[in-house]
C-alpha atoms as a PDB file:
ATOM      1  CA  UNK A   1      13.290   0.752   1.336  1.00  0.00           C
ATOM      2  CA  UNK A   2      16.621   1.635   2.013  1.00  0.00           C
ATOM      3  CA  UNK A   3      19.279  -0.924   1.392  1.00  0.00           C
ATOM      4  CA  UNK A   4      21.797  -0.034   3.558  1.00  0.00           C
ATOM      5  CA  UNK A   5      18.936   0.445   6.633  1.00  0.00           C
ATOM      6  CA  UNK A   6      17.734  -3.658   5.548  1.00  0.00           C
ATOM      7  CA  UNK A   7      21.483  -4.417   5.333  1.00  0.00           C
ATOM      8  CA  UNK A   8      22.187  -3.337   8.826  1.00  0.00           C
ATOM      9  CA  UNK A   9      19.323  -5.020  10.396  1.00  0.00           C
ATOM     10  CA  UNK A  10      20.382  -8.185   8.995  1.00  0.00           C
ATOM     11  CA  UNK A  11      23.408  -7.572  10.218  1.00  0.00           C
ATOM     12  CA  UNK A  12      22.160  -6.391  13.811  1.00  0.00           C
ATOM     13  CA  UNK A  13      19.410  -9.663  14.072  1.00  0.00           C
ATOM     14  CA  UNK A  14      21.755 -11.882  13.048  1.00  0.00           C
ATOM     15  CA  UNK A  15      24.170 -10.504  15.956  1.00  0.00           C
ATOM     16  CA  UNK A  16      20.952 -10.217  18.313  1.00  0.00           C
ATOM     17  CA  UNK A  17      20.148 -13.902  17.970  1.00  0.00           C
ATOM     18  CA  UNK A  18      24.125 -14.997  17.523  1.00  0.00           C
ATOM     19  CA  UNK A  19      24.092 -16.172  13.969  1.00  0.00           C
ATOM     20  CA  UNK A  20      26.697 -16.276  12.436  1.00  0.00           C
ATOM     21  CA  UNK A  21      26.436 -14.375   8.990  1.00  0.00           C
ATOM     22  CA  UNK A  22      28.833 -13.762   6.416  1.00  0.00           C
ATOM     23  CA  UNK A  23      28.764 -10.334   4.160  1.00  0.00           C
ATOM     24  CA  UNK A  24      27.762 -12.021   1.601  1.00  0.00           C
ATOM     25  CA  UNK A  25      24.760 -13.924   2.211  1.00  0.00           C
ATOM     26  CA  UNK A  26      23.857 -11.096   4.805  1.00  0.00           C
ATOM     27  CA  UNK A  27      23.604  -9.258   1.755  1.00  0.00           C
ATOM     28  CA  UNK A  28      21.051 -11.833   0.080  1.00  0.00           C
ATOM     29  CA  UNK A  29      19.291 -11.655   2.887  1.00  0.00           C
ATOM     30  CA  UNK A  30      19.064  -7.979   2.985  1.00  0.00           C
ATOM     31  CA  UNK A  31      18.212  -8.537  -1.037  1.00  0.00           C
ATOM     32  CA  UNK A  32      14.892 -11.598  -0.050  1.00  0.00           C
ATOM     33  CA  UNK A  33      13.912  -8.815   2.775  1.00  0.00           C
ATOM     34  CA  UNK A  34      13.739  -6.424  -0.226  1.00  0.00           C
ATOM     35  CA  UNK A  35      11.434  -8.431  -1.999  1.00  0.00           C
ATOM     36  CA  UNK A  36       9.539  -9.449   0.687  1.00  0.00           C
ATOM     37  CA  UNK A  37       8.583  -5.448   1.553  1.00  0.00           C
ATOM     38  CA  UNK A  38       7.909  -4.780  -1.744  1.00  0.00           C
ATOM     39  CA  UNK A  39       5.287  -7.410  -1.709  1.00  0.00           C
ATOM     40  CA  UNK A  40       4.138  -6.592   1.402  1.00  0.00           C
ATOM     41  CA  UNK A  41       3.520  -2.915   0.044  1.00  0.00           C
ATOM     42  CA  UNK A  42       1.817  -4.542  -2.737  1.00  0.00           C
ATOM     43  CA  UNK A  43      -1.175  -6.399  -1.113  1.00  0.00           C
ATOM     44  CA  UNK A  44      -1.245  -3.104   1.522  1.00  0.00           C
ATOM     45  CA  UNK A  45      -2.152  -1.071  -1.265  1.00  0.00           C
ATOM     46  CA  UNK A  46      -4.746  -3.552  -2.506  1.00  0.00           C
ATOM     47  CA  UNK A  47      -8.205  -1.775  -1.944  1.00  0.00           C
ATOM     48  CA  UNK A  48      -9.834  -4.440  -0.743  1.00  0.00           C
ATOM     49  CA  UNK A  49     -13.909  -5.173   0.895  1.00  0.00           C
ATOM     50  CA  UNK A  50     -13.975  -7.622   3.476  1.00  0.00           C
ATOM     51  CA  UNK A  51     -16.309 -10.058   1.075  1.00  0.00           C
ATOM     52  CA  UNK A  52     -13.475 -10.177  -1.225  1.00  0.00           C
ATOM     53  CA  UNK A  53     -11.727 -12.090   1.213  1.00  0.00           C
ATOM     54  CA  UNK A  54     -12.501 -15.565  -0.311  1.00  0.00           C
ATOM     55  CA  UNK A  55     -10.481 -17.969   2.254  1.00  0.00           C
ATOM     56  CA  UNK A  56     -12.187 -19.683   4.256  1.00  0.00           C
ATOM     57  CA  UNK A  57     -12.147 -19.112   8.840  1.00  0.00           C
ATOM     58  CA  UNK A  58      -9.620 -21.632  10.015  1.00  0.00           C
ATOM     59  CA  UNK A  59     -12.079 -24.448  12.393  1.00  0.00           C
ATOM     60  CA  UNK A  60      -9.666 -26.603  14.030  1.00  0.00           C
ATOM     61  CA  UNK A  61     -11.293 -30.428  14.297  1.00  0.00           C
ATOM     62  CA  UNK A  62     -11.969 -31.187  17.390  1.00  0.00           C
ATOM     63  CA  UNK A  63      -9.356 -33.263  19.484  1.00  0.00           C
ATOM     64  CA  UNK A  64      -9.847 -36.211  20.452  1.00  0.00           C
ATOM     65  CA  UNK A  65     -11.558 -37.043  17.184  1.00  0.00           C
ATOM     66  CA  UNK A  66     -15.061 -37.514  17.787  1.00  0.00           C
ATOM     67  CA  UNK A  67     -16.681 -40.838  15.978  1.00  0.00           C
ATOM     68  CA  UNK A  68     -18.942 -40.157  13.292  1.00  0.00           C
ATOM     69  CA  UNK A  69     -22.315 -40.246  14.026  1.00  0.00           C
ATOM     70  CA  UNK A  70     -25.550 -41.765  12.176  1.00  0.00           C
ATOM     71  CA  UNK A  71     -28.818 -40.246  11.318  1.00  0.00           C
ATOM     72  CA  UNK A  72     -30.636 -42.616  13.445  1.00  0.00           C
ATOM     73  CA  UNK A  73     -28.210 -41.406  16.378  1.00  0.00           C
ATOM     74  CA  UNK A  74     -29.114 -37.995  17.955  1.00  0.00           C
ATOM     75  CA  UNK A  75     -25.781 -36.079  17.785  1.00  0.00           C
ATOM     76  CA  UNK A  76     -23.148 -36.248  20.565  1.00  0.00           C
ATOM     77  CA  UNK A  77     -24.193 -40.459  21.485  1.00  0.00           C
ATOM     78  CA  UNK A  78     -22.115 -42.925  19.590  1.00  0.00           C
ATOM     79  CA  UNK A  79     -22.440 -46.517  19.808  1.00  0.00           C
ATOM     80  CA  UNK A  80     -20.060 -48.883  20.249  1.00  0.00           C
ATOM     81  CA  UNK A  81     -18.343 -50.607  16.929  1.00  0.00           C
END
C-alpha cells in the first residue's frame, strides 16, 4: 500500500472520529497500519487447507454455570450440597 494513501486514511479516520492527531503521531499510526497490512497479505497468501487450522472452535461456557454432576447422577440432575 502506498504510504501517502495510508497517511491520508489515518488523517481522515481521526478527523471523522474527532480525535486530534499531530502529524508525527499520524505518521507512526500509518507506519503501523502499513506493517499490519503487510502481515495480513502474508497470511492471505499462505495456502492452507481447512485441516491446517489447529484452533478449536469457540464454545462458550453455559451461563449461569451448571453444577457439576457425579457418575451416580443423570446429566442435568444435581442434588443440593
